[in-house]
Structure formats: structure tokens, C-alpha cells
Amino acid sequence: MATDADWFGGMRSAAEAERLAALYDLDFPHGEYPAIDWFRGLARMTGGPVLELGVGTGRVAIPLAKDGHEVVGVDRSRAMLARAESHARRARAKLRLVESDMRSFSLDRAFALITIPFNTFLMLTPDERWQCLARCREHLAETGRIAIDVFQPDPDKIAGVDGGVREEWRREDPDTGHLVTKFSSTRSDVDATHFSWWFDEELDGGEIRRITRQATLHFLYRGEAELLFPAAGFELDTLHGDYDGSAVTPMSPHLLIVARRRERGAQRERRRR
């Protein structure tokens, strides 16, 4: 049986991965997001080419390509890349899409901007972050920047989330015409948040088809970022707490990181073999 990675890297049948990619689009539709404008501004500042890690279905990459930048998108899910290609074709945007892993990718050029949007960096364990940043450093142009967008954990929510199930939305899937309802349950601690999702699809005839997914996002706090990036061979340019450029506080909803490559420094920034 053919297999493929879903958007969190879990191995599925190719058909299941394709359906999960479609449900990802239903969950996170293409459109206007403050994060996209933030990345577009960085691309205008740095120029191209742009590399996006965890390109998904192209929510950020396609607007950057339509702005005239050369964009390369990396993802480990063939199903997600197929949907990105389809979206780009409809938008008349040119993308180069590469099936690879953000911890081990190897491309034939350097980039003026490397982006890791929409909490994708939190999919990596603390040890895996070293691998990813080493690959980014090797692919970053001398004057280039890496930009990462993650959410900051809310202490009140961490203390209060106890695994209760809630209904998040009910939408019609444009691919099938079926109604889909998403349920979620979350448990969090100071290090990570653990998700369970259920997508209930109402099939013709009233039958319900359920697809489930579990995943973990590993938090990145400001203090950790201030230690991690210099140790991984970068100089921090800016740290912001939201897309309006506000300073980072413990209650900021986001941690927006922009860093540049530092020429040869600490040994650990070197790629492990």
C-alpha cells in the first residue's frame, strides 16, 4: 500500500494523507492573515529568492510568489504539495515545490529569506530544532534573514486546559459538498500542547466518516529563543510579540523572530552527520 506523510509527519495511506490535506485546507483556508502580510513585508525588505519550510498548501508562499518573488517551498507531505501546486496554478503563481524534511533538506542554492510560518517550528522537538537551524544556516545567503512565527503559550490556558472535547466548526467541504464538523481536545503543560482532532464527515445517505489525528507542539519561549539562535550560529535582529511590531511580553500572543547568519561561531551550529 502506498503511504505518505500527513502535515504533522505521521505516516498514513496515500488516500488518508490526501484527505487530511483537504481537511487542512478546510480548517485553514487560503485568505488574508496578519502573518502573511508580515512575511510579505520581510520579503520586500530582503528580496528573493525565498525558501519556505513547511509550505503546506501554499497559504504564505503563493502571495509571496504573486508579489514577484522567486519562492521554493519544502514539505514532507506529497499530498500537501499537490494541493499547493493546485492552488498556485489557479492563482497563476509560480512555485518550486520540493518534497523533503525541514530537518534534513539539501538544496542547490542560498536564499535571501527563509521562512517557517504558522507555528511549524513548534512541530520540532528541542533536539530537532538544532538540525533544522543548521540546515537553514547552510542555505542562508550572507546578508539573508530567517523569519519564524510561533504563538506564545498563555499561562492561564495552560493551567485551565484539561482535555475537554469541544466543537470548533461545521463547514461544507467544497471538494465533496459534504458537511464536516471538527472536534478537538487539548492537554497542555509548560513544555508542550498535545492535540487530538476529530473530523466527522457526513456522507451521502447519512453515514458518518471520522478521521482522527493526534499531534504535539513544543513551546518556544523568548528566553529559549535568545539562547538557541546565537548558539545555533545566528544573530537575532528583532523579536516582536505581535504583527504590529509590539514588544514581546509574557502575555504577547506571538513570538516573531528575525535573525541573520553569524559567520563561524559555536560548534553546535554545524550540521550533524
Protein backbone atom coordinates (compact mmCIF):
# COMPACT_ATOMS: atom_id res chain seq x y z
CA MET A 1 0.00 0.00 0.00
CA ALA A 2 1.32 3.46 -0.93
CA THR A 3 1.98 5.70 2.06
CA ASP A 4 2.56 9.40 2.59
CA ALA A 5 3.22 11.76 5.48
CA ASP A 6 0.37 13.90 6.76
CA TRP A 7 1.05 17.52 7.68
CA PHE A 8 2.46 16.56 11.10
CA GLY A 9 4.68 13.86 9.63
CA GLY A 10 2.63 10.84 10.67
CA MET A 11 2.60 8.09 8.08
CA ARG A 12 -0.76 7.34 6.52
CA SER A 13 -2.07 5.61 3.46
CA ALA A 14 -1.80 7.89 0.44
CA ALA A 15 -5.60 8.21 0.37
CA GLU A 16 -5.77 9.19 4.05
CA ALA A 17 -2.95 11.72 3.63
CA GLU A 18 -4.77 13.22 0.66
CA ARG A 19 -8.00 13.52 2.64
CA LEU A 20 -6.18 15.09 5.61
CA ALA A 21 -4.59 17.62 3.26
CA ALA A 22 -8.06 18.56 2.02
CA LEU A 23 -9.27 18.86 5.61
CA TYR A 24 -6.27 21.07 6.40
CA ASP A 25 -7.44 23.45 3.66
CA LEU A 26 -10.92 23.37 5.13
CA ASP A 27 -9.53 24.06 8.61
CA PHE A 28 -7.08 26.76 7.49
CA PRO A 29 -8.41 28.22 4.22
CA HIS A 30 -6.35 30.45 1.97
CA GLY A 31 -7.05 34.14 2.53
CA GLU A 32 -5.82 37.21 4.35
CA TYR A 33 -3.91 36.69 7.59
CA PRO A 34 -1.75 39.20 9.51
CA ALA A 35 1.11 36.67 9.38
CA ILE A 36 1.09 36.71 5.58
CA ASP A 37 1.45 40.50 5.48
CA TRP A 38 4.35 40.22 7.94
CA PHE A 39 6.18 37.73 5.71
CA ARG A 40 5.39 39.79 2.60
CA GLY A 41 7.00 42.81 4.25
CA LEU A 42 10.12 40.81 5.09
CA ALA A 43 10.31 39.54 1.51
CA ARG A 44 10.13 43.11 0.19
CA MET A 45 12.96 44.04 2.54
CA THR A 46 15.26 41.11 1.73
CA GLY A 47 14.30 40.34 -1.85
CA GLY A 48 14.43 36.82 -3.18
CA PRO A 49 14.83 34.00 -3.53
CA VAL A 50 12.59 32.88 -0.65
CA LEU A 51 12.57 29.42 0.93
CA GLU A 52 9.54 28.36 2.96
CA LEU A 53 9.86 25.32 5.21
CA GLY A 54 6.60 23.53 5.89
CA VAL A 55 4.97 25.15 2.87
CA GLY A 56 1.78 23.14 3.35
CA THR A 57 -0.84 24.08 0.79
CA GLY A 58 0.84 27.41 -0.02
CA ARG A 59 -1.01 29.93 2.16
CA VAL A 60 2.13 32.10 2.52
CA ALA A 61 4.20 31.00 -0.49
CA ILE A 62 1.58 31.87 -3.11
CA PRO A 63 1.10 35.52 -2.03
CA LEU A 64 4.90 35.95 -1.98
CA ALA A 65 5.18 34.44 -5.45
CA LYS A 66 2.39 36.71 -6.71
CA ASP A 67 4.39 39.66 -5.36
CA GLY A 68 7.09 38.69 -7.85
CA HIS A 69 9.49 36.78 -5.61
CA GLU A 70 11.10 33.50 -6.56
CA VAL A 71 9.75 31.04 -3.98
CA VAL A 72 10.79 27.48 -3.15
CA GLY A 73 8.53 25.51 -0.81
CA VAL A 74 9.60 22.42 1.14
CA ASP A 75 7.20 19.94 2.74
CA ARG A 76 7.42 16.25 3.61
CA SER A 77 3.84 15.52 2.58
CA ARG A 78 3.23 14.80 -1.11
CA ALA A 79 -0.48 15.37 -0.58
CA MET A 80 0.10 18.84 0.84
CA LEU A 81 2.46 19.70 -2.01
CA ALA A 82 -0.11 18.53 -4.55
CA ARG A 83 -2.68 20.90 -3.09
CA ALA A 84 -0.11 23.72 -3.04
CA GLU A 85 0.58 23.11 -6.72
CA SER A 86 -3.14 23.17 -7.48
CA HIS A 87 -3.67 26.41 -5.56
CA ALA A 88 -0.66 28.01 -7.26
CA ARG A 89 -1.91 27.01 -10.69
CA ARG A 90 -5.31 28.56 -10.03
CA ALA A 91 -3.65 31.73 -8.69
CA ARG A 92 -1.24 31.84 -11.66
CA ALA A 93 1.69 31.88 -9.25
CA LYS A 94 4.97 30.14 -9.96
CA LEU A 95 6.34 27.96 -7.16
CA ARG A 96 9.10 25.40 -6.99
CA LEU A 97 7.92 22.67 -4.63
CA VAL A 98 10.28 20.13 -3.06
CA GLU A 99 9.38 17.02 -1.07
CA SER A 100 11.82 16.98 1.82
CA ASP A 101 12.13 17.28 5.59
CA MET A 102 12.92 20.59 7.30
CA ARG A 103 15.46 18.75 9.47
CA SER A 104 17.50 17.35 6.57
CA PHE A 105 16.73 19.20 3.33
CA SER A 106 19.55 19.93 0.89
CA LEU A 107 19.07 22.36 -1.99
CA ASP A 108 21.41 23.75 -4.59
CA ARG A 109 21.31 27.43 -3.67
CA ALA A 110 21.27 30.05 -0.93
CA PHE A 111 18.26 32.18 -0.04
CA ALA A 112 17.79 35.81 0.93
CA LEU A 113 14.87 34.85 3.17
CA ILE A 114 13.97 31.56 4.85
CA THR A 115 10.54 31.44 6.44
CA ILE A 116 8.93 28.98 8.86
CA PRO A 117 5.36 30.30 9.28
CA PHE A 118 2.26 29.43 11.29
CA ASN A 119 3.83 27.57 14.27
CA THR A 120 5.55 24.98 12.05
CA PHE A 121 8.78 25.38 14.05
CA LEU A 122 6.90 24.12 17.13
CA MET A 123 6.39 20.76 15.44
CA LEU A 124 10.08 20.10 16.10
CA THR A 125 11.34 18.73 19.38
CA PRO A 126 14.02 20.81 21.11
CA ASP A 127 16.73 18.50 19.72
CA GLU A 128 15.28 18.62 16.21
CA ARG A 129 15.44 22.41 16.24
CA TRP A 130 19.23 22.20 16.13
CA GLN A 131 19.04 20.07 12.97
CA CYS A 132 16.62 22.44 11.27
CA LEU A 133 18.56 25.59 12.15
CA ALA A 134 21.82 24.01 10.96
CA ARG A 135 20.23 23.33 7.57
CA CYS A 136 18.80 26.85 7.48
CA ARG A 137 22.17 28.38 8.27
CA GLU A 138 23.82 26.48 5.43
CA HIS A 139 21.15 27.68 2.98
CA LEU A 140 21.04 31.32 4.06
CA ALA A 141 22.72 33.97 1.93
CA GLU A 142 25.41 36.05 3.61
CA THR A 143 23.07 39.01 4.07
CA GLY A 144 19.89 36.91 4.33
CA ARG A 145 17.37 36.52 7.13
CA ILE A 146 15.43 33.68 8.71
CA ALA A 147 11.92 34.53 9.96
CA ILE A 148 9.88 32.33 12.30
CA ASP A 149 6.33 32.89 13.52
CA VAL A 150 5.11 30.95 16.59
CA PHE A 151 2.47 31.51 19.24
CA GLN A 152 3.35 32.14 22.86
CA PRO A 153 1.65 29.91 25.42
CA ASP A 154 -0.90 31.63 27.62
CA PRO A 155 -0.24 30.59 31.25
CA ASP A 156 -3.94 30.76 32.11
CA LYS A 157 -4.83 28.46 29.22
CA ILE A 158 -2.04 26.04 30.11
CA ALA A 159 -3.41 25.79 33.63
CA GLY A 160 -7.01 25.54 32.52
CA VAL A 161 -6.95 23.13 29.57
CA ASP A 162 -7.87 19.69 30.83
CA GLY A 163 -8.71 17.61 27.78
CA GLY A 164 -12.36 18.52 27.37
CA VAL A 165 -13.80 17.96 23.89
CA ARG A 166 -15.22 20.96 22.06
CA GLU A 167 -16.75 21.54 18.65
CA GLU A 168 -14.65 24.04 16.69
CA TRP A 169 -16.61 24.43 13.45
CA ARG A 170 -19.05 22.92 10.97
CA ARG A 171 -18.37 23.64 7.28
CA GLU A 172 -19.21 22.42 3.82
CA ASP A 173 -16.26 20.85 2.04
CA PRO A 174 -16.12 22.41 -1.46
CA ASP A 175 -14.30 19.32 -2.79
CA THR A 176 -17.12 16.91 -1.88
CA GLY A 177 -20.16 19.01 -0.96
CA HIS A 178 -20.27 17.12 2.36
CA LEU A 179 -20.69 18.78 5.75
CA VAL A 180 -17.68 18.34 8.02
CA THR A 181 -17.57 19.01 11.77
CA LYS A 182 -14.28 19.44 13.61
CA PHE A 183 -13.93 18.50 17.29
CA SER A 184 -10.79 18.97 19.35
CA SER A 185 -9.34 18.13 22.72
CA THR A 186 -6.16 19.67 24.12
CA ARG A 187 -3.92 18.97 27.09
CA SER A 188 -1.02 21.29 27.85
CA ASP A 189 1.88 21.59 30.25
CA VAL A 190 4.75 24.08 30.48
CA ASP A 191 6.67 22.37 27.68
CA ALA A 192 4.09 21.47 25.03
CA THR A 193 0.48 21.25 23.99
CA HIS A 194 -0.98 17.91 22.88
CA PHE A 195 -3.87 17.94 20.39
CA SER A 196 -6.48 15.41 19.38
CA TRP A 197 -8.72 16.24 16.42
CA TRP A 198 -11.80 14.52 15.04
CA PHE A 199 -13.20 15.37 11.63
CA ASP A 200 -16.72 13.96 11.16
CA GLU A 201 -17.78 13.96 7.51
CA GLU A 202 -21.47 13.45 6.71
CA LEU A 203 -21.57 11.15 3.69
CA ASP A 204 -24.44 10.75 1.25
CA GLY A 205 -27.09 8.60 2.92
CA GLY A 206 -26.37 9.90 6.43
CA GLU A 207 -23.32 7.77 7.28
CA ILE A 208 -20.56 9.50 9.27
CA ARG A 209 -16.91 9.00 8.36
CA ARG A 210 -14.49 10.03 11.11
CA ILE A 211 -10.82 10.87 10.64
CA THR A 212 -8.69 11.41 13.75
CA ARG A 213 -5.30 13.00 14.26
CA GLN A 214 -3.04 13.49 17.29
CA ALA A 215 -0.11 15.90 17.41
CA THR A 216 2.18 17.80 19.75
CA LEU A 217 3.54 21.34 19.52
CA HIS A 218 6.61 22.07 21.64
CA PHE A 219 6.60 25.60 23.10
CA LEU A 220 9.37 28.09 22.38
CA TYR A 221 9.69 30.84 24.95
CA ARG A 222 11.51 34.12 24.42
CA GLY A 223 14.31 33.19 26.84
CA GLU A 224 14.86 29.92 24.98
CA ALA A 225 14.96 31.72 21.62
CA GLU A 226 17.53 34.20 22.94
CA LEU A 227 19.79 31.27 23.87
CA LEU A 228 19.02 28.93 20.95
CA PHE A 229 19.60 31.17 17.96
CA PRO A 230 23.03 32.58 18.97
CA ALA A 231 24.17 29.07 19.92
CA ALA A 232 22.97 27.80 16.51
CA GLY A 233 25.02 30.40 14.65
CA PHE A 234 22.61 33.31 14.24
CA GLU A 235 22.36 36.91 15.42
CA LEU A 236 18.89 38.00 16.47
CA ASP A 237 17.71 41.03 14.53
CA THR A 238 14.27 41.52 16.04
CA LEU A 239 11.85 39.89 18.47
CA HIS A 240 8.25 41.07 18.41
CA GLY A 241 5.14 40.00 20.28
CA ASP A 242 2.63 40.63 17.51
CA TYR A 243 2.36 41.63 13.85
CA ASP A 244 2.01 45.31 14.79
CA GLY A 245 5.65 45.37 15.89
CA SER A 246 4.90 45.47 19.61
CA ALA A 247 7.49 44.34 22.11
CA VAL A 248 7.44 40.80 23.48
CA THR A 249 5.90 40.40 26.91
CA PRO A 250 4.86 37.21 28.73
CA MET A 251 1.29 37.90 27.59
CA SER A 252 2.08 38.58 23.92
CA PRO A 253 0.14 36.28 21.59
CA HIS A 254 3.11 35.62 19.31
CA LEU A 255 6.87 35.37 19.21
CA LEU A 256 8.10 36.70 15.86
CA ILE A 257 11.79 36.02 15.31
CA VAL A 258 14.03 37.51 12.63
CA ALA A 259 17.70 36.51 12.64
CA ARG A 260 20.73 36.66 10.39
CA ARG A 261 23.58 34.19 9.93
CA ARG A 262 26.64 34.74 12.07
CA GLU A 263 29.87 33.68 10.45
CA ARG A 264 31.51 30.66 12.06
CA GLY A 265 30.87 30.55 15.74
CA ALA A 266 29.79 27.90 18.19
CA GLN A 267 30.49 24.32 17.12
CA ARG A 268 26.93 23.12 17.60
CA GLU A 269 25.59 25.16 14.68
CA ARG A 270 27.42 22.76 12.35
CA ARG A 271 25.26 20.12 10.74
CA ARG A 272 25.47 16.75 12.46
CA ARG A 273 26.42 13.86 10.21
